[in-house]
């Protein structure tokens, strides 16, 4: 499944990286500690987090994460979104809590 299909199915907002939504989604990873993400996330994952600082883009880029999903409607600073655009990393947003976000992803078969 492509990121664009997940965005459409779950009605998420695209905050940055709209031109990179054709990446395949291979799974998901949930964590807020960057060191945990670096140790456990896989290429092609959707990364669900509450973190919004610019370092999330660097980690996602390093690991070839398909998209960062910021849950609970957490506001994402413009500096983070600018960095995401520069590096071609999609940043998505949902108002749902992390648990519900993951549950809906599982329903989609991710």
N, C-alpha and C. Protein backbone atom coordinates (compact mmCIF):
# COMPACT_ATOMS: atom_id res chain seq x y z
N UNK A 1 0.84 -1.17 0.00
CA UNK A 1 0.00 0.00 0.00
C UNK A 1 0.90 1.24 0.00
N UNK A 2 0.50 2.23 -0.72
CA UNK A 2 1.26 3.48 -0.81
C UNK A 2 0.82 4.46 0.28
N UNK A 3 1.70 5.38 0.61
CA UNK A 3 1.38 6.40 1.62
C UNK A 3 0.12 7.15 1.23
N UNK A 4 -0.02 7.49 -0.04
CA UNK A 4 -1.21 8.24 -0.50
C UNK A 4 -2.50 7.47 -0.23
N UNK A 5 -2.46 6.15 -0.36
CA UNK A 5 -3.65 5.33 -0.11
C UNK A 5 -4.00 5.32 1.38
N UNK A 6 -2.98 5.28 2.23
CA UNK A 6 -3.21 5.33 3.67
C UNK A 6 -3.79 6.69 4.05
N UNK A 7 -3.23 7.75 3.51
CA UNK A 7 -3.71 9.11 3.79
C UNK A 7 -5.19 9.22 3.42
N UNK A 8 -5.55 8.73 2.24
CA UNK A 8 -6.94 8.79 1.80
C UNK A 8 -7.85 7.95 2.68
N UNK A 9 -7.44 6.73 2.98
CA UNK A 9 -8.28 5.82 3.75
C UNK A 9 -8.50 6.31 5.18
N UNK A 10 -7.48 6.89 5.79
CA UNK A 10 -7.58 7.30 7.18
C UNK A 10 -7.85 8.79 7.35
N UNK A 11 -7.94 9.50 6.24
CA UNK A 11 -8.27 10.93 6.24
C UNK A 11 -7.27 11.74 7.06
N UNK A 12 -5.99 11.45 6.86
CA UNK A 12 -4.94 12.23 7.50
C UNK A 12 -4.64 13.47 6.68
N UNK A 13 -4.06 14.47 7.32
CA UNK A 13 -3.63 15.69 6.64
C UNK A 13 -2.17 15.56 6.24
N UNK A 14 -1.85 16.07 5.08
CA UNK A 14 -0.46 16.11 4.63
C UNK A 14 0.08 17.50 4.95
N UNK A 15 1.08 17.56 5.82
CA UNK A 15 1.67 18.83 6.23
C UNK A 15 2.90 19.19 5.42
N UNK A 16 3.61 18.15 4.94
CA UNK A 16 4.83 18.36 4.14
C UNK A 16 5.09 17.11 3.32
N UNK A 17 5.84 17.28 2.26
CA UNK A 17 6.25 16.14 1.45
C UNK A 17 5.17 15.56 0.57
N UNK A 18 4.23 16.38 0.12
CA UNK A 18 3.12 15.89 -0.68
C UNK A 18 3.59 15.22 -1.98
N UNK A 19 4.74 15.59 -2.46
CA UNK A 19 5.26 14.99 -3.69
C UNK A 19 5.88 13.62 -3.49
N UNK A 20 5.95 13.14 -2.27
CA UNK A 20 6.59 11.86 -1.96
C UNK A 20 5.61 10.83 -1.39
N UNK A 21 4.35 10.96 -1.71
CA UNK A 21 3.35 10.06 -1.14
C UNK A 21 3.22 8.75 -1.91
N UNK A 22 4.08 8.54 -2.90
CA UNK A 22 4.01 7.31 -3.68
C UNK A 22 4.89 6.21 -3.10
N UNK A 23 5.53 6.45 -1.97
CA UNK A 23 6.36 5.44 -1.32
C UNK A 23 5.48 4.31 -0.78
N UNK A 24 6.03 3.10 -0.83
CA UNK A 24 5.33 1.94 -0.28
C UNK A 24 5.43 1.94 1.24
N UNK A 25 4.37 1.49 1.89
CA UNK A 25 4.33 1.33 3.33
C UNK A 25 4.50 -0.16 3.63
N UNK A 26 5.54 -0.49 4.38
CA UNK A 26 5.82 -1.88 4.70
C UNK A 26 5.42 -2.26 6.12
N UNK A 27 5.13 -1.26 6.95
CA UNK A 27 4.79 -1.52 8.34
C UNK A 27 4.70 -0.22 9.10
N UNK A 28 4.71 -0.33 10.40
CA UNK A 28 4.64 0.86 11.23
C UNK A 28 5.52 0.73 12.44
N UNK A 29 5.85 1.87 13.02
CA UNK A 29 6.66 1.91 14.23
C UNK A 29 6.17 3.07 15.08
N UNK A 30 6.06 2.83 16.39
CA UNK A 30 5.59 3.85 17.31
C UNK A 30 6.64 4.09 18.37
N UNK A 31 7.12 5.31 18.47
CA UNK A 31 8.06 5.70 19.53
C UNK A 31 8.27 7.20 19.48
N UNK A 32 8.63 7.75 20.62
CA UNK A 32 8.96 9.16 20.69
C UNK A 32 10.43 9.39 20.95
N UNK A 33 11.14 8.39 21.43
CA UNK A 33 12.58 8.51 21.65
C UNK A 33 13.30 8.23 20.33
N UNK A 34 14.07 9.19 19.88
CA UNK A 34 14.75 9.04 18.59
C UNK A 34 15.69 7.84 18.59
N UNK A 35 16.32 7.56 19.70
CA UNK A 35 17.23 6.41 19.76
C UNK A 35 16.46 5.10 19.58
N UNK A 36 15.26 5.02 20.10
CA UNK A 36 14.43 3.82 19.91
C UNK A 36 14.05 3.67 18.44
N UNK A 37 13.69 4.77 17.80
CA UNK A 37 13.32 4.73 16.38
C UNK A 37 14.52 4.29 15.56
N UNK A 38 15.68 4.84 15.86
CA UNK A 38 16.88 4.48 15.10
C UNK A 38 17.23 3.00 15.28
N UNK A 39 16.91 2.43 16.43
CA UNK A 39 17.22 1.03 16.68
C UNK A 39 16.15 0.08 16.17
N UNK A 40 14.91 0.55 16.07
CA UNK A 40 13.83 -0.40 15.79
C UNK A 40 13.02 -0.20 14.53
N UNK A 41 12.96 1.01 14.01
CA UNK A 41 12.15 1.26 12.82
C UNK A 41 12.85 0.69 11.59
N UNK A 42 12.05 0.35 10.60
CA UNK A 42 12.55 -0.24 9.37
C UNK A 42 12.26 0.67 8.18
N UNK A 43 13.03 0.54 7.16
CA UNK A 43 12.78 1.26 5.91
C UNK A 43 11.35 0.94 5.44
N UNK A 44 10.64 1.97 5.05
CA UNK A 44 9.27 1.79 4.57
C UNK A 44 8.20 1.86 5.63
N UNK A 45 8.59 2.02 6.89
CA UNK A 45 7.61 2.13 7.97
C UNK A 45 6.93 3.49 7.96
N UNK A 46 5.72 3.53 8.52
CA UNK A 46 5.10 4.78 8.93
C UNK A 46 5.48 4.94 10.40
N UNK A 47 6.06 6.07 10.74
CA UNK A 47 6.49 6.33 12.11
C UNK A 47 5.46 7.21 12.79
N UNK A 48 4.82 6.68 13.83
CA UNK A 48 3.82 7.43 14.58
C UNK A 48 4.49 7.99 15.83
N UNK A 49 4.34 9.30 16.03
CA UNK A 49 5.02 9.97 17.14
C UNK A 49 4.23 11.20 17.59
N UNK A 50 4.62 11.70 18.74
CA UNK A 50 4.14 13.00 19.23
C UNK A 50 5.23 14.05 19.13
N UNK A 51 6.43 13.63 18.76
CA UNK A 51 7.55 14.56 18.61
C UNK A 51 7.35 15.40 17.35
N UNK A 52 7.77 16.65 17.43
CA UNK A 52 7.59 17.54 16.28
C UNK A 52 8.82 18.38 15.96
N UNK A 53 9.91 18.19 16.68
CA UNK A 53 11.11 19.00 16.43
C UNK A 53 11.78 18.53 15.13
N UNK A 54 12.65 19.34 14.60
CA UNK A 54 13.24 19.07 13.29
C UNK A 54 14.07 17.80 13.23
N UNK A 55 14.55 17.30 14.36
CA UNK A 55 15.36 16.09 14.34
C UNK A 55 14.58 14.86 13.89
N UNK A 56 13.27 14.89 13.97
CA UNK A 56 12.49 13.73 13.50
C UNK A 56 12.68 13.55 11.99
N UNK A 57 12.85 14.63 11.29
CA UNK A 57 13.05 14.56 9.84
C UNK A 57 14.39 13.91 9.52
N UNK A 58 15.42 14.26 10.26
CA UNK A 58 16.74 13.67 10.04
C UNK A 58 16.71 12.17 10.27
N UNK A 59 16.05 11.73 11.33
CA UNK A 59 15.96 10.30 11.62
C UNK A 59 15.16 9.59 10.55
N UNK A 60 14.03 10.15 10.15
CA UNK A 60 13.20 9.53 9.11
C UNK A 60 13.95 9.42 7.79
N UNK A 61 14.70 10.44 7.46
CA UNK A 61 15.48 10.43 6.23
C UNK A 61 16.58 9.38 6.28
N UNK A 62 17.27 9.32 7.40
CA UNK A 62 18.35 8.35 7.59
C UNK A 62 17.86 6.92 7.42
N UNK A 63 16.66 6.63 7.94
CA UNK A 63 16.12 5.26 7.93
C UNK A 63 15.23 4.96 6.73
N UNK A 64 15.04 5.96 5.86
CA UNK A 64 14.14 5.80 4.71
C UNK A 64 12.71 5.46 5.15
N UNK A 65 12.26 6.16 6.17
CA UNK A 65 10.88 6.02 6.66
C UNK A 65 9.94 6.56 5.59
N UNK A 66 8.83 5.86 5.33
CA UNK A 66 7.90 6.29 4.28
C UNK A 66 7.20 7.59 4.64
N UNK A 67 6.89 7.79 5.93
CA UNK A 67 6.26 9.04 6.38
C UNK A 67 6.28 9.10 7.89
N UNK A 68 6.29 10.31 8.39
CA UNK A 68 6.13 10.57 9.82
C UNK A 68 4.67 10.93 10.03
N UNK A 69 4.04 10.28 11.02
CA UNK A 69 2.65 10.57 11.36
C UNK A 69 2.64 11.19 12.75
N UNK A 70 2.27 12.46 12.81
CA UNK A 70 2.17 13.15 14.09
C UNK A 70 0.74 13.02 14.59
N UNK A 71 0.60 12.34 15.73
CA UNK A 71 -0.73 12.05 16.26
C UNK A 71 -1.20 13.12 17.24
N UNK A 72 -2.45 12.99 17.64
CA UNK A 72 -3.08 13.84 18.64
C UNK A 72 -3.12 15.31 18.27
N UNK A 73 -3.02 15.60 16.99
CA UNK A 73 -3.12 16.98 16.52
C UNK A 73 -2.00 17.87 17.02
N UNK A 74 -0.88 17.27 17.40
CA UNK A 74 0.25 18.07 17.90
C UNK A 74 0.70 19.05 16.82
N UNK A 75 0.86 20.31 17.17
CA UNK A 75 1.30 21.31 16.19
C UNK A 75 2.75 21.07 15.79
N UNK A 76 3.01 21.14 14.50
CA UNK A 76 4.36 20.91 13.97
C UNK A 76 4.95 22.26 13.57
N UNK A 77 6.11 22.61 14.13
CA UNK A 77 6.73 23.90 13.81
C UNK A 77 7.08 24.02 12.33
N UNK A 78 7.05 25.23 11.84
CA UNK A 78 7.37 25.49 10.44
C UNK A 78 8.79 25.07 10.10
N UNK A 79 9.70 25.17 11.04
CA UNK A 79 11.08 24.75 10.77
C UNK A 79 11.15 23.25 10.47
N UNK A 80 10.36 22.47 11.16
CA UNK A 80 10.30 21.03 10.91
C UNK A 80 9.71 20.76 9.54
N UNK A 81 8.63 21.46 9.20
CA UNK A 81 7.98 21.24 7.91
C UNK A 81 8.88 21.68 6.76
N UNK A 82 9.61 22.76 6.95
CA UNK A 82 10.54 23.21 5.91
C UNK A 82 11.64 22.18 5.68
N UNK A 83 12.18 21.66 6.76
CA UNK A 83 13.22 20.64 6.66
C UNK A 83 12.66 19.38 5.98
N UNK A 84 11.43 19.02 6.29
CA UNK A 84 10.80 17.85 5.67
C UNK A 84 10.63 18.05 4.16
N UNK A 85 10.23 19.24 3.77
CA UNK A 85 10.10 19.54 2.34
C UNK A 85 11.45 19.43 1.64
N UNK A 86 12.47 20.01 2.26
CA UNK A 86 13.83 19.98 1.69
C UNK A 86 14.33 18.56 1.50
N UNK A 87 14.04 17.70 2.46
CA UNK A 87 14.56 16.33 2.43
C UNK A 87 13.58 15.33 1.82
N UNK A 88 12.41 15.80 1.41
CA UNK A 88 11.44 14.91 0.78
C UNK A 88 10.85 13.88 1.71
N UNK A 89 10.61 14.27 2.96
CA UNK A 89 10.02 13.37 3.95
C UNK A 89 8.58 13.80 4.21
N UNK A 90 7.60 12.96 3.88
CA UNK A 90 6.22 13.32 4.18
C UNK A 90 5.97 13.40 5.69
N UNK A 91 5.30 14.47 6.09
CA UNK A 91 4.84 14.62 7.47
C UNK A 91 3.33 14.69 7.41
N UNK A 92 2.70 13.76 8.11
CA UNK A 92 1.25 13.64 8.11
C UNK A 92 0.74 13.96 9.51
N UNK A 93 -0.54 14.31 9.59
CA UNK A 93 -1.12 14.67 10.87
C UNK A 93 -2.49 14.02 11.04
N UNK A 94 -2.75 13.58 12.27
CA UNK A 94 -4.07 13.09 12.64
C UNK A 94 -4.41 13.63 14.02
N UNK A 95 -5.67 13.90 14.23
CA UNK A 95 -6.12 14.37 15.53
C UNK A 95 -6.32 13.21 16.50
N UNK A 96 -6.33 12.00 16.00
CA UNK A 96 -6.60 10.83 16.84
C UNK A 96 -5.44 10.54 17.79
N UNK A 97 -5.75 9.93 18.92
CA UNK A 97 -4.69 9.48 19.83
C UNK A 97 -3.83 8.41 19.17
N UNK A 98 -2.66 8.22 19.70
CA UNK A 98 -1.72 7.25 19.13
C UNK A 98 -2.35 5.87 19.05
N UNK A 99 -2.99 5.42 20.11
CA UNK A 99 -3.59 4.08 20.12
C UNK A 99 -4.58 3.91 18.99
N UNK A 100 -5.47 4.86 18.83
CA UNK A 100 -6.48 4.78 17.77
C UNK A 100 -5.83 4.84 16.39
N UNK A 101 -4.78 5.64 16.25
CA UNK A 101 -4.06 5.73 14.98
C UNK A 101 -3.50 4.37 14.59
N UNK A 102 -2.87 3.71 15.53
CA UNK A 102 -2.30 2.39 15.27
C UNK A 102 -3.40 1.37 14.99
N UNK A 103 -4.47 1.43 15.76
CA UNK A 103 -5.57 0.48 15.55
C UNK A 103 -6.16 0.60 14.14
N UNK A 104 -6.30 1.81 13.67
CA UNK A 104 -6.83 2.00 12.31
C UNK A 104 -5.85 1.52 11.24
N UNK A 105 -4.56 1.69 11.51
CA UNK A 105 -3.56 1.17 10.58
C UNK A 105 -3.63 -0.35 10.52
N UNK A 106 -3.81 -0.98 11.66
CA UNK A 106 -3.92 -2.45 11.69
C UNK A 106 -5.16 -2.89 10.91
N UNK A 107 -6.26 -2.17 11.06
CA UNK A 107 -7.48 -2.50 10.29
C UNK A 107 -7.23 -2.44 8.79
N UNK A 108 -6.32 -1.57 8.35
CA UNK A 108 -5.98 -1.47 6.94
C UNK A 108 -5.02 -2.58 6.49
N UNK A 109 -4.49 -3.30 7.44
CA UNK A 109 -3.57 -4.36 7.11
C UNK A 109 -2.11 -3.96 7.11
N UNK A 110 -1.81 -2.83 7.74
CA UNK A 110 -0.42 -2.36 7.81
C UNK A 110 0.25 -3.00 9.01
